[in-house]
Amino acid sequence: MNNNWLKVVIAAVFEVFWVIGLKHSYNVWTWIGTAIAIYVSFYLMIVASRQLPVSTVYAVFVGLGTAGTVLAEIVLFDEPVKAVKIVLILLLLAGVVGLKLVTKSKETAEGG
């Protein structure tokens, strides 16, 4: 995995943090943490988009963020686990992996 895809994955992890923060922040410090997570998440996504197709970056970012948020809700906040939900997350992740596999960065496409 090259550095740009790693940035997208890290951005998606921070997306999970800020989405959870939007729901569960309760004081100035938790809101500051949420704001920092938003900044880091979007900064990394924008930087990665300079070398990767923005449409693919955004799809992977949102897909991983969605899957991560659902899993975090299940693990951290006792959201009910349903087999259908797990199957759909796996399907979403299969699509994200597929997009990553068929997408080349600008550096790779230019032979650099």
PDB file of N, CA and C in Angstrom:
ATOM      1  N   MET A   1       0.858  -1.174   0.000  1.00  0.00           N
ATOM      2  CA  MET A   1       0.000   0.000   0.000  1.00  0.00           C
ATOM      3  C   MET A   1       0.901   1.232   0.000  1.00  0.00           C
ATOM      4  N   ASN A   2       0.668   2.128  -0.962  1.00  0.00           N
ATOM      5  CA  ASN A   2       1.525   3.311  -0.967  1.00  0.00           C
ATOM      6  C   ASN A   2       1.047   4.339   0.059  1.00  0.00           C
ATOM      7  N   ASN A   3       1.835   5.374   0.243  1.00  0.00           N
ATOM      8  CA  ASN A   3       1.555   6.371   1.275  1.00  0.00           C
ATOM      9  C   ASN A   3       0.226   7.073   1.087  1.00  0.00           C
ATOM     10  N   ASN A   4      -0.184   7.294  -0.165  1.00  0.00           N
ATOM     11  CA  ASN A   4      -1.452   7.991  -0.392  1.00  0.00           C
ATOM     12  C   ASN A   4      -2.641   7.159   0.075  1.00  0.00           C
ATOM     13  N   TRP A   5      -2.611   5.856  -0.179  1.00  0.00           N
ATOM     14  CA  TRP A   5      -3.705   5.010   0.309  1.00  0.00           C
ATOM     15  C   TRP A   5      -3.668   4.906   1.820  1.00  0.00           C
ATOM     16  N   LEU A   6      -2.491   4.906   2.403  1.00  0.00           N
ATOM     17  CA  LEU A   6      -2.374   4.896   3.858  1.00  0.00           C
ATOM     18  C   LEU A   6      -3.004   6.164   4.438  1.00  0.00           C
ATOM     19  N   LYS A   7      -2.793   7.301   3.782  1.00  0.00           N
ATOM     20  CA  LYS A   7      -3.426   8.553   4.225  1.00  0.00           C
ATOM     21  C   LYS A   7      -4.946   8.452   4.177  1.00  0.00           C
ATOM     22  N   VAL A   8      -5.473   7.811   3.146  1.00  0.00           N
ATOM     23  CA  VAL A   8      -6.925   7.643   3.040  1.00  0.00           C
ATOM     24  C   VAL A   8      -7.442   6.771   4.184  1.00  0.00           C
ATOM     25  N   VAL A   9      -6.744   5.698   4.494  1.00  0.00           N
ATOM     26  CA  VAL A   9      -7.157   4.810   5.592  1.00  0.00           C
ATOM     27  C   VAL A   9      -7.112   5.557   6.926  1.00  0.00           C
ATOM     28  N   ILE A  10      -6.042   6.299   7.169  1.00  0.00           N
ATOM     29  CA  ILE A  10      -5.935   7.072   8.420  1.00  0.00           C
ATOM     30  C   ILE A  10      -7.030   8.136   8.471  1.00  0.00           C
ATOM     31  N   ALA A  11      -7.303   8.779   7.336  1.00  0.00           N
ATOM     32  CA  ALA A  11      -8.383   9.774   7.271  1.00  0.00           C
ATOM     33  C   ALA A  11      -9.719   9.134   7.634  1.00  0.00           C
ATOM     34  N   ALA A  12      -9.949   7.913   7.173  1.00  0.00           N
ATOM     35  CA  ALA A  12     -11.201   7.212   7.489  1.00  0.00           C
ATOM     36  C   ALA A  12     -11.285   6.879   8.974  1.00  0.00           C
ATOM     37  N   VAL A  13     -10.163   6.543   9.592  1.00  0.00           N
ATOM     38  CA  VAL A  13     -10.158   6.279  11.035  1.00  0.00           C
ATOM     39  C   VAL A  13     -10.546   7.557  11.787  1.00  0.00           C
ATOM     40  N   PHE A  14      -9.971   8.683  11.372  1.00  0.00           N
ATOM     41  CA  PHE A  14     -10.335   9.950  12.012  1.00  0.00           C
ATOM     42  C   PHE A  14     -11.779  10.330  11.724  1.00  0.00           C
ATOM     43  N   GLU A  15     -12.294   9.904  10.562  1.00  0.00           N
ATOM     44  CA  GLU A  15     -13.710  10.136  10.268  1.00  0.00           C
ATOM     45  C   GLU A  15     -14.587   9.422  11.291  1.00  0.00           C
ATOM     46  N   VAL A  16     -14.231   8.208  11.646  1.00  0.00           N
ATOM     47  CA  VAL A  16     -14.986   7.471  12.666  1.00  0.00           C
ATOM     48  C   VAL A  16     -14.984   8.261  13.970  1.00  0.00           C
ATOM     49  N   PHE A  17     -13.820   8.801  14.351  1.00  0.00           N
ATOM     50  CA  PHE A  17     -13.728   9.577  15.588  1.00  0.00           C
ATOM     51  C   PHE A  17     -14.646  10.792  15.552  1.00  0.00           C
ATOM     52  N   TRP A  18     -14.622  11.541  14.432  1.00  0.00           N
ATOM     53  CA  TRP A  18     -15.425  12.765  14.437  1.00  0.00           C
ATOM     54  C   TRP A  18     -16.914  12.495  14.298  1.00  0.00           C
ATOM     55  N   VAL A  19     -17.276  11.428  13.604  1.00  0.00           N
ATOM     56  CA  VAL A  19     -18.702  11.093  13.517  1.00  0.00           C
ATOM     57  C   VAL A  19     -19.224  10.697  14.898  1.00  0.00           C
ATOM     58  N   ILE A  20     -18.469   9.891  15.611  1.00  0.00           N
ATOM     59  CA  ILE A  20     -18.862   9.529  16.977  1.00  0.00           C
ATOM     60  C   ILE A  20     -18.867  10.779  17.859  1.00  0.00           C
ATOM     61  N   GLY A  21     -17.880  11.650  17.654  1.00  0.00           N
ATOM     62  CA  GLY A  21     -17.822  12.894  18.421  1.00  0.00           C
ATOM     63  C   GLY A  21     -19.029  13.781  18.203  1.00  0.00           C
ATOM     64  N   LEU A  22     -19.547  13.816  16.977  1.00  0.00           N
ATOM     65  CA  LEU A  22     -20.729  14.638  16.716  1.00  0.00           C
ATOM     66  C   LEU A  22     -21.921  14.183  17.557  1.00  0.00           C
ATOM     67  N   LYS A  23     -22.008  12.895  17.792  1.00  0.00           N
ATOM     68  CA  LYS A  23     -23.132  12.364  18.569  1.00  0.00           C
ATOM     69  C   LYS A  23     -22.879  12.419  20.074  1.00  0.00           C
ATOM     70  N   HIS A  24     -21.640  12.189  20.486  1.00  0.00           N
ATOM     71  CA  HIS A  24     -21.371  11.973  21.904  1.00  0.00           C
ATOM     72  C   HIS A  24     -20.581  13.088  22.598  1.00  0.00           C
ATOM     73  N   SER A  25     -20.228  14.160  21.906  1.00  0.00           N
ATOM     74  CA  SER A  25     -19.510  15.254  22.567  1.00  0.00           C
ATOM     75  C   SER A  25     -20.433  15.954  23.554  1.00  0.00           C
ATOM     76  N   TYR A  26     -19.879  16.337  24.700  1.00  0.00           N
ATOM     77  CA  TYR A  26     -20.715  16.901  25.757  1.00  0.00           C
ATOM     78  C   TYR A  26     -20.093  18.113  26.445  1.00  0.00           C
ATOM     79  N   ASN A  27     -18.825  18.419  26.154  1.00  0.00           N
ATOM     80  CA  ASN A  27     -18.218  19.621  26.740  1.00  0.00           C
ATOM     81  C   ASN A  27     -17.223  20.204  25.736  1.00  0.00           C
ATOM     82  N   VAL A  28     -16.589  21.282  26.115  1.00  0.00           N
ATOM     83  CA  VAL A  28     -15.702  21.977  25.183  1.00  0.00           C
ATOM     84  C   VAL A  28     -14.539  21.095  24.728  1.00  0.00           C
ATOM     85  N   TRP A  29     -14.018  20.255  25.601  1.00  0.00           N
ATOM     86  CA  TRP A  29     -12.858  19.423  25.252  1.00  0.00           C
ATOM     87  C   TRP A  29     -13.222  18.332  24.252  1.00  0.00           C
ATOM     88  N   THR A  30     -14.389  17.731  24.434  1.00  0.00           N
ATOM     89  CA  THR A  30     -14.795  16.704  23.473  1.00  0.00           C
ATOM     90  C   THR A  30     -15.146  17.329  22.129  1.00  0.00           C
ATOM     91  N   TRP A  31     -15.684  18.566  22.146  1.00  0.00           N
ATOM     92  CA  TRP A  31     -15.946  19.252  20.875  1.00  0.00           C
ATOM     93  C   TRP A  31     -14.647  19.671  20.190  1.00  0.00           C
ATOM     94  N   ILE A  32     -13.649  20.063  20.973  1.00  0.00           N
ATOM     95  CA  ILE A  32     -12.338  20.387  20.389  1.00  0.00           C
ATOM     96  C   ILE A  32     -11.722  19.137  19.765  1.00  0.00           C
ATOM     97  N   GLY A  33     -11.817  18.006  20.449  1.00  0.00           N
ATOM     98  CA  GLY A  33     -11.321  16.743  19.891  1.00  0.00           C
ATOM     99  C   GLY A  33     -12.031  16.382  18.603  1.00  0.00           C
ATOM    100  N   THR A  34     -13.333  16.602  18.564  1.00  0.00           N
ATOM    101  CA  THR A  34     -14.103  16.334  17.350  1.00  0.00           C
ATOM    102  C   THR A  34     -13.638  17.240  16.210  1.00  0.00           C
ATOM    103  N   ALA A  35     -13.422  18.520  16.512  1.00  0.00           N
ATOM    104  CA  ALA A  35     -12.963  19.467  15.486  1.00  0.00           C
ATOM    105  C   ALA A  35     -11.575  19.088  14.963  1.00  0.00           C
ATOM    106  N   ILE A  36     -10.705  18.654  15.838  1.00  0.00           N
ATOM    107  CA  ILE A  36      -9.364  18.215  15.413  1.00  0.00           C
ATOM    108  C   ILE A  36      -9.477  16.992  14.512  1.00  0.00           C
ATOM    109  N   ALA A  37     -10.338  16.055  14.883  1.00  0.00           N
ATOM    110  CA  ALA A  37     -10.529  14.851  14.064  1.00  0.00           C
ATOM    111  C   ALA A  37     -11.074  15.220  12.679  1.00  0.00           C
ATOM    112  N   ILE A  38     -11.994  16.175  12.610  1.00  0.00           N
ATOM    113  CA  ILE A  38     -12.514  16.634  11.312  1.00  0.00           C
ATOM    114  C   ILE A  38     -11.381  17.210  10.476  1.00  0.00           C
ATOM    115  N   TYR A  39     -10.573  18.068  11.082  1.00  0.00           N
ATOM    116  CA  TYR A  39      -9.471  18.701  10.356  1.00  0.00           C
ATOM    117  C   TYR A  39      -8.489  17.652   9.827  1.00  0.00           C
ATOM    118  N   VAL A  40      -8.037  16.754  10.683  1.00  0.00           N
ATOM    119  CA  VAL A  40      -7.059  15.733  10.278  1.00  0.00           C
ATOM    120  C   VAL A  40      -7.641  14.846   9.182  1.00  0.00           C
ATOM    121  N   SER A  41      -8.882  14.450   9.358  1.00  0.00           N
ATOM    122  CA  SER A  41      -9.537  13.571   8.399  1.00  0.00           C
ATOM    123  C   SER A  41      -9.582  14.203   7.006  1.00  0.00           C
ATOM    124  N   PHE A  42     -10.088  15.425   6.923  1.00  0.00           N
ATOM    125  CA  PHE A  42     -10.206  16.068   5.620  1.00  0.00           C
ATOM    126  C   PHE A  42      -8.852  16.478   5.051  1.00  0.00           C
ATOM    127  N   TYR A  43      -7.919  16.881   5.903  1.00  0.00           N
ATOM    128  CA  TYR A  43      -6.585  17.235   5.421  1.00  0.00           C
ATOM    129  C   TYR A  43      -5.926  16.036   4.735  1.00  0.00           C
ATOM    130  N   LEU A  44      -5.960  14.877   5.393  1.00  0.00           N
ATOM    131  CA  LEU A  44      -5.339  13.685   4.807  1.00  0.00           C
ATOM    132  C   LEU A  44      -6.038  13.259   3.521  1.00  0.00           C
ATOM    133  N   MET A  45      -7.362  13.378   3.493  1.00  0.00           N
ATOM    134  CA  MET A  45      -8.095  13.018   2.279  1.00  0.00           C
ATOM    135  C   MET A  45      -7.730  13.960   1.130  1.00  0.00           C
ATOM    136  N   ILE A  46      -7.620  15.243   1.401  1.00  0.00           N
ATOM    137  CA  ILE A  46      -7.270  16.217   0.365  1.00  0.00           C
ATOM    138  C   ILE A  46      -5.853  15.974  -0.146  1.00  0.00           C
ATOM    139  N   VAL A  47      -4.920  15.718   0.753  1.00  0.00           N
ATOM    140  CA  VAL A  47      -3.538  15.457   0.349  1.00  0.00           C
ATOM    141  C   VAL A  47      -3.463  14.204  -0.526  1.00  0.00           C
ATOM    142  N   ALA A  48      -4.161  13.153  -0.146  1.00  0.00           N
ATOM    143  CA  ALA A  48      -4.159  11.915  -0.938  1.00  0.00           C
ATOM    144  C   ALA A  48      -4.780  12.144  -2.304  1.00  0.00           C
ATOM    145  N   SER A  49      -5.770  13.027  -2.378  1.00  0.00           N
ATOM    146  CA  SER A  49      -6.454  13.299  -3.647  1.00  0.00           C
ATOM    147  C   SER A  49      -5.569  13.991  -4.662  1.00  0.00           C
ATOM    148  N   ARG A  50      -4.468  14.515  -4.225  1.00  0.00           N
ATOM    149  CA  ARG A  50      -3.529  15.149  -5.170  1.00  0.00           C
ATOM    150  C   ARG A  50      -2.856  14.130  -6.074  1.00  0.00           C
ATOM    151  N   GLN A  51      -2.751  12.887  -5.602  1.00  0.00           N
ATOM    152  CA  GLN A  51      -2.092  11.840  -6.382  1.00  0.00           C
ATOM    153  C   GLN A  51      -3.036  10.719  -6.814  1.00  0.00           C
ATOM    154  N   LEU A  52      -4.202  10.647  -6.222  1.00  0.00           N
ATOM    155  CA  LEU A  52      -5.172   9.600  -6.538  1.00  0.00           C
ATOM    156  C   LEU A  52      -6.443  10.254  -7.070  1.00  0.00           C
ATOM    157  N   PRO A  53      -7.232   9.526  -7.865  1.00  0.00           N
ATOM    158  CA  PRO A  53      -8.484  10.099  -8.367  1.00  0.00           C
ATOM    159  C   PRO A  53      -9.422  10.453  -7.210  1.00  0.00           C
ATOM    160  N   VAL A  54      -9.906  11.672  -7.212  1.00  0.00           N
ATOM    161  CA  VAL A  54     -10.715  12.163  -6.101  1.00  0.00           C
ATOM    162  C   VAL A  54     -11.987  11.337  -5.918  1.00  0.00           C
ATOM    163  N   SER A  55     -12.576  10.870  -6.993  1.00  0.00           N
ATOM    164  CA  SER A  55     -13.804  10.081  -6.857  1.00  0.00           C
ATOM    165  C   SER A  55     -13.546   8.773  -6.121  1.00  0.00           C
ATOM    166  N   THR A  56     -12.446   8.136  -6.418  1.00  0.00           N
ATOM    167  CA  THR A  56     -12.107   6.879  -5.747  1.00  0.00           C
ATOM    168  C   THR A  56     -11.706   7.133  -4.298  1.00  0.00           C
ATOM    169  N   VAL A  57     -10.923   8.181  -4.077  1.00  0.00           N
ATOM    170  CA  VAL A  57     -10.517   8.522  -2.710  1.00  0.00           C
ATOM    171  C   VAL A  57     -11.752   8.768  -1.854  1.00  0.00           C
ATOM    172  N   TYR A  58     -12.691   9.538  -2.381  1.00  0.00           N
ATOM    173  CA  TYR A  58     -13.876   9.856  -1.600  1.00  0.00           C
ATOM    174  C   TYR A  58     -14.710   8.599  -1.325  1.00  0.00           C
ATOM    175  N   ALA A  59     -14.872   7.750  -2.322  1.00  0.00           N
ATOM    176  CA  ALA A  59     -15.650   6.514  -2.138  1.00  0.00           C
ATOM    177  C   ALA A  59     -15.000   5.613  -1.089  1.00  0.00           C
ATOM    178  N   VAL A  60     -13.694   5.460  -1.143  1.00  0.00           N
ATOM    179  CA  VAL A  60     -12.984   4.626  -0.167  1.00  0.00           C
ATOM    180  C   VAL A  60     -13.067   5.255   1.224  1.00  0.00           C
ATOM    181  N   PHE A  61     -12.862   6.561   1.303  1.00  0.00           N
ATOM    182  CA  PHE A  61     -12.935   7.298   2.565  1.00  0.00           C
ATOM    183  C   PHE A  61     -14.301   7.106   3.231  1.00  0.00           C
ATOM    184  N   VAL A  62     -15.360   7.324   2.474  1.00  0.00           N
ATOM    185  CA  VAL A  62     -16.707   7.210   3.025  1.00  0.00           C
ATOM    186  C   VAL A  62     -17.042   5.751   3.353  1.00  0.00           C
ATOM    187  N   GLY A  63     -16.637   4.829   2.489  1.00  0.00           N
ATOM    188  CA  GLY A  63     -16.919   3.410   2.742  1.00  0.00           C
ATOM    189  C   GLY A  63     -16.252   2.907   4.003  1.00  0.00           C
ATOM    190  N   LEU A  64     -14.968   3.201   4.137  1.00  0.00           N
ATOM    191  CA  LEU A  64     -14.258   2.773   5.347  1.00  0.00           C
ATOM    192  C   LEU A  64     -14.790   3.479   6.584  1.00  0.00           C
ATOM    193  N   GLY A  65     -15.098   4.763   6.439  1.00  0.00           N
ATOM    194  CA  GLY A  65     -15.652   5.518   7.565  1.00  0.00           C
ATOM    195  C   GLY A  65     -16.998   4.976   8.010  1.00  0.00           C
ATOM    196  N   THR A  66     -17.838   4.634   7.040  1.00  0.00           N
ATOM    197  CA  THR A  66     -19.151   4.073   7.367  1.00  0.00           C
ATOM    198  C   THR A  66     -19.009   2.729   8.066  1.00  0.00           C
ATOM    199  N   ALA A  67     -18.195   1.860   7.506  1.00  0.00           N
ATOM    200  CA  ALA A  67     -17.980   0.548   8.122  1.00  0.00           C
ATOM    201  C   ALA A  67     -17.397   0.702   9.519  1.00  0.00           C
ATOM    202  N   GLY A  68     -16.419   1.568   9.661  1.00  0.00           N
ATOM    203  CA  GLY A  68     -15.797   1.789  10.964  1.00  0.00           C
ATOM    204  C   GLY A  68     -16.757   2.358  11.985  1.00  0.00           C
ATOM    205  N   THR A  69     -17.614   3.267  11.548  1.00  0.00           N
ATOM    206  CA  THR A  69     -18.582   3.863  12.466  1.00  0.00           C
ATOM    207  C   THR A  69     -19.606   2.837  12.933  1.00  0.00           C
ATOM    208  N   VAL A  70     -20.092   2.020  12.026  1.00  0.00           N
ATOM    209  CA  VAL A  70     -21.047   0.972  12.401  1.00  0.00           C
ATOM    210  C   VAL A  70     -20.399  -0.007  13.379  1.00  0.00           C
ATOM    211  N   LEU A  71     -19.181  -0.422  13.074  1.00  0.00           N
ATOM    212  CA  LEU A  71     -18.491  -1.361  13.978  1.00  0.00           C
ATOM    213  C   LEU A  71     -18.196  -0.732  15.335  1.00  0.00           C
ATOM    214  N   ALA A  72     -17.821   0.551  15.338  1.00  0.00           N
ATOM    215  CA  ALA A  72     -17.564   1.240  16.608  1.00  0.00           C
ATOM    216  C   ALA A  72     -18.840   1.351  17.435  1.00  0.00           C
ATOM    217  N   GLU A  73     -19.952   1.637  16.788  1.00  0.00           N
ATOM    218  CA  GLU A  73     -21.233   1.696  17.506  1.00  0.00           C
ATOM    219  C   GLU A  73     -21.578   0.339  18.127  1.00  0.00           C
ATOM    220  N   ILE A  74     -21.286  -0.735  17.399  1.00  0.00           N
ATOM    221  CA  ILE A  74     -21.563  -2.082  17.921  1.00  0.00           C
ATOM    222  C   ILE A  74     -20.657  -2.385  19.112  1.00  0.00           C
ATOM    223  N   VAL A  75     -19.362  -2.105  18.956  1.00  0.00           N
ATOM    224  CA  VAL A  75     -18.381  -2.466  19.987  1.00  0.00           C
ATOM    225  C   VAL A  75     -18.438  -1.535  21.195  1.00  0.00           C
ATOM    226  N   LEU A  76     -18.541  -0.231  20.949  1.00  0.00           N
ATOM    227  CA  LEU A  76     -18.425   0.740  22.041  1.00  0.00           C
ATOM    228  C   LEU A  76     -19.754   1.161  22.656  1.00  0.00           C
ATOM    229  N   PHE A  77     -20.823   1.112  21.879  1.00  0.00           N
ATOM    230  CA  PHE A  77     -22.083   1.683  22.355  1.00  0.00           C
ATOM    231  C   PHE A  77     -23.245   0.695  22.337  1.00  0.00           C
ATOM    232  N   ASP A  78     -22.928  -0.600  22.314  1.00  0.00           N
ATOM    233  CA  ASP A  78     -23.926  -1.673  22.432  1.00  0.00           C
ATOM    234  C   ASP A  78     -25.052  -1.601  21.397  1.00  0.00           C
ATOM    235  N   GLU A  79     -24.710  -1.183  20.192  1.00  0.00           N
ATOM    236  CA  GLU A  79     -25.671  -1.231  19.084  1.00  0.00           C
ATOM    237  C   GLU A  79     -25.964  -2.698  18.790  1.00  0.00           C
ATOM    238  N   PRO A  80     -27.218  -3.055  18.552  1.00  0.00           N
ATOM    239  CA  PRO A  80     -27.537  -4.459  18.277  1.00  0.00           C
ATOM    240  C   PRO A  80     -26.802  -4.983  17.036  1.00  0.00           C
ATOM    241  N   VAL A  81     -26.300  -6.193  17.138  1.00  0.00           N
ATOM    242  CA  VAL A  81     -25.610  -6.841  16.026  1.00  0.00           C
ATOM    243  C   VAL A  81     -26.636  -7.645  15.245  1.00  0.00           C
ATOM    244  N   LYS A  82     -26.715  -7.365  13.952  1.00  0.00           N
ATOM    245  CA  LYS A  82     -27.622  -8.112  13.080  1.00  0.00           C
ATOM    246  C   LYS A  82     -26.798  -8.698  11.947  1.00  0.00           C
ATOM    247  N   ALA A  83     -27.088  -9.939  11.600  1.00  0.00           N
ATOM    248  CA  ALA A  83     -26.335 -10.622  10.544  1.00  0.00           C
ATOM    249  C   ALA A  83     -26.394  -9.840   9.234  1.00  0.00           C
ATOM    250  N   VAL A  84     -27.537  -9.290   8.915  1.00  0.00           N
ATOM    251  CA  VAL A  84     -27.687  -8.532   7.674  1.00  0.00           C
ATOM    252  C   VAL A  84     -26.757  -7.317   7.673  1.00  0.00           C
ATOM    253  N   LYS A  85     -26.645  -6.658   8.802  1.00  0.00           N
ATOM    254  CA  LYS A  85     -25.773  -5.487   8.916  1.00  0.00           C
ATOM    255  C   LYS A  85     -24.313  -5.877   8.666  1.00  0.00           C
ATOM    256  N   ILE A  86     -23.886  -6.984   9.234  1.00  0.00           N
ATOM    257  CA  ILE A  86     -22.515  -7.458   9.053  1.00  0.00           C
ATOM    258  C   ILE A  86     -22.265  -7.830   7.590  1.00  0.00           C
ATOM    259  N   VAL A  87     -23.200  -8.518   6.972  1.00  0.00           N
ATOM    260  CA  VAL A  87     -23.061  -8.907   5.564  1.00  0.00           C
ATOM    261  C   VAL A  87     -22.958  -7.661   4.683  1.00  0.00           C
ATOM    262  N   LEU A  88     -23.774  -6.654   4.958  1.00  0.00           N
ATOM    263  CA  LEU A  88     -23.737  -5.433   4.159  1.00  0.00           C
ATOM    264  C   LEU A  88     -22.434  -4.656   4.358  1.00  0.00           C
ATOM    265  N   ILE A  89     -21.907  -4.657   5.565  1.00  0.00           N
ATOM    266  CA  ILE A  89     -20.604  -4.017   5.806  1.00  0.00           C
ATOM    267  C   ILE A  89     -19.518  -4.749   5.023  1.00  0.00           C
ATOM    268  N   LEU A  90     -19.553  -6.069   5.036  1.00  0.00           N
ATOM    269  CA  LEU A  90     -18.563  -6.852   4.282  1.00  0.00           C
ATOM    270  C   LEU A  90     -18.676  -6.581   2.780  1.00  0.00           C
ATOM    271  N   LEU A  91     -19.897  -6.448   2.290  1.00  0.00           N
ATOM    272  CA  LEU A  91     -20.110  -6.115   0.882  1.00  0.00           C
ATOM    273  C   LEU A  91     -19.551  -4.725   0.562  1.00  0.00           C
ATOM    274  N   LEU A  92     -19.790  -3.784   1.456  1.00  0.00           N
ATOM    275  CA  LEU A  92     -19.254  -2.432   1.295  1.00  0.00           C
ATOM    276  C   LEU A  92     -17.726  -2.459   1.267  1.00  0.00           C
ATOM    277  N   LEU A  93     -17.137  -3.195   2.195  1.00  0.00           N
ATOM    278  CA  LEU A  93     -15.674  -3.287   2.240  1.00  0.00           C
ATOM    279  C   LEU A  93     -15.111  -3.981   1.004  1.00  0.00           C
ATOM    280  N   ALA A  94     -15.826  -4.964   0.465  1.00  0.00           N
ATOM    281  CA  ALA A  94     -15.386  -5.621  -0.775  1.00  0.00           C
ATOM    282  C   ALA A  94     -15.363  -4.612  -1.917  1.00  0.00           C
ATOM    283  N   GLY A  95     -16.353  -3.751  -1.976  1.00  0.00           N
ATOM    284  CA  GLY A  95     -16.364  -2.706  -2.999  1.00  0.00           C
ATOM    285  C   GLY A  95     -15.233  -1.718  -2.826  1.00  0.00           C
ATOM    286  N   VAL A  96     -14.940  -1.354  -1.580  1.00  0.00           N
ATOM    287  CA  VAL A  96     -13.844  -0.425  -1.297  1.00  0.00           C
ATOM    288  C   VAL A  96     -12.505  -1.038  -1.710  1.00  0.00           C
ATOM    289  N   VAL A  97     -12.288  -2.292  -1.356  1.00  0.00           N
ATOM    290  CA  VAL A  97     -11.045  -2.973  -1.731  1.00  0.00           C
ATOM    291  C   VAL A  97     -10.952  -3.082  -3.253  1.00  0.00           C
ATOM    292  N   GLY A  98     -12.066  -3.401  -3.899  1.00  0.00           N
ATOM    293  CA  GLY A  98     -12.080  -3.481  -5.357  1.00  0.00           C
ATOM    294  C   GLY A  98     -11.717  -2.164  -6.008  1.00  0.00           C
ATOM    295  N   LEU A  99     -12.264  -1.063  -5.513  1.00  0.00           N
ATOM    296  CA  LEU A  99     -11.914   0.256  -6.049  1.00  0.00           C
ATOM    297  C   LEU A  99     -10.433   0.547  -5.878  1.00  0.00           C
ATOM    298  N   LYS A 100      -9.910   0.208  -4.716  1.00  0.00           N
ATOM    299  CA  LYS A 100      -8.481   0.445  -4.460  1.00  0.00           C
ATOM    300  C   LYS A 100      -7.623  -0.370  -5.414  1.00  0.00           C
ATOM    301  N   LEU A 101      -8.016  -1.602  -5.680  1.00  0.00           N
ATOM    302  CA  LEU A 101      -7.211  -2.478  -6.537  1.00  0.00           C
ATOM    303  C   LEU A 101      -7.197  -2.038  -8.003  1.00  0.00           C
ATOM    304  N   VAL A 102      -8.267  -1.423  -8.469  1.00  0.00           N
ATOM    305  CA  VAL A 102      -8.326  -1.037  -9.883  1.00  0.00           C
ATOM    306  C   VAL A 102      -7.918   0.411 -10.123  1.00  0.00           C
ATOM    307  N   THR A 103      -7.523   1.125  -9.075  1.00  0.00           N
ATOM    308  CA  THR A 103      -7.155   2.532  -9.203  1.00  0.00           C
ATOM    309  C   THR A 103      -5.655   2.699  -9.087  1.00  0.00           C
ATOM    310  N   LYS A 104      -5.095   3.408 -10.028  1.00  0.00           N
ATOM    311  CA  LYS A 104      -3.664   3.699 -10.000  1.00  0.00           C
ATOM    312  C   LYS A 104      -3.463   5.159  -9.599  1.00  0.00           C
ATOM    313  N   SER A 105      -2.371   5.423  -8.895  1.00  0.00           N
ATOM    314  CA  SER A 105      -2.049   6.796  -8.544  1.00  0.00           C
ATOM    315  C   SER A 105      -1.469   7.490  -9.766  1.00  0.00           C
ATOM    316  N   LYS A 106      -1.393   8.815  -9.726  1.00  0.00           N
ATOM    317  CA  LYS A 106      -0.806   9.570 -10.828  1.00  0.00           C
ATOM    318  C   LYS A 106       0.642   9.180 -11.026  1.00  0.00           C
ATOM    319  N   GLU A 107       1.354   8.927  -9.916  1.00  0.00           N
ATOM    320  CA  GLU A 107       2.767   8.536 -10.016  1.00  0.00           C
ATOM    321  C   GLU A 107       2.905   7.218 -10.779  1.00  0.00           C
ATOM    322  N   THR A 108       2.046   6.238 -10.467  1.00  0.00           N
ATOM    323  CA  THR A 108       2.100   4.932 -11.116  1.00  0.00           C
ATOM    324  C   THR A 108       1.707   5.053 -12.589  1.00  0.00           C
ATOM    325  N   ALA A 109       0.660   5.827 -12.858  1.00  0.00           N
ATOM    326  CA  ALA A 109       0.178   5.992 -14.223  1.00  0.00           C
ATOM    327  C   ALA A 109       1.220   6.680 -15.105  1.00  0.00           C
ATOM    328  N   GLU A 110       2.013   7.588 -14.518  1.00  0.00           N
ATOM    329  CA  GLU A 110       3.048   8.292 -15.285  1.00  0.00           C
ATOM    330  C   GLU A 110       4.358   7.536 -15.329  1.00  0.00           C
ATOM    331  N   GLY A 111       4.415   6.409 -14.658  1.00  0.00           N
ATOM    332  CA  GLY A 111       5.627   5.608 -14.640  1.00  0.00           C
ATOM    333  C   GLY A 111       6.655   6.068 -13.634  1.00  0.00           C
ATOM    334  N   GLY A 112       6.228   6.861 -12.643  1.00  0.00           N
ATOM    335  CA  GLY A 112       7.164   7.398 -11.658  1.00  0.00           C
ATOM    336  C   GLY A 112       6.962   6.789 -10.403  1.00  0.00           C
TER     337      GLY A 112
END
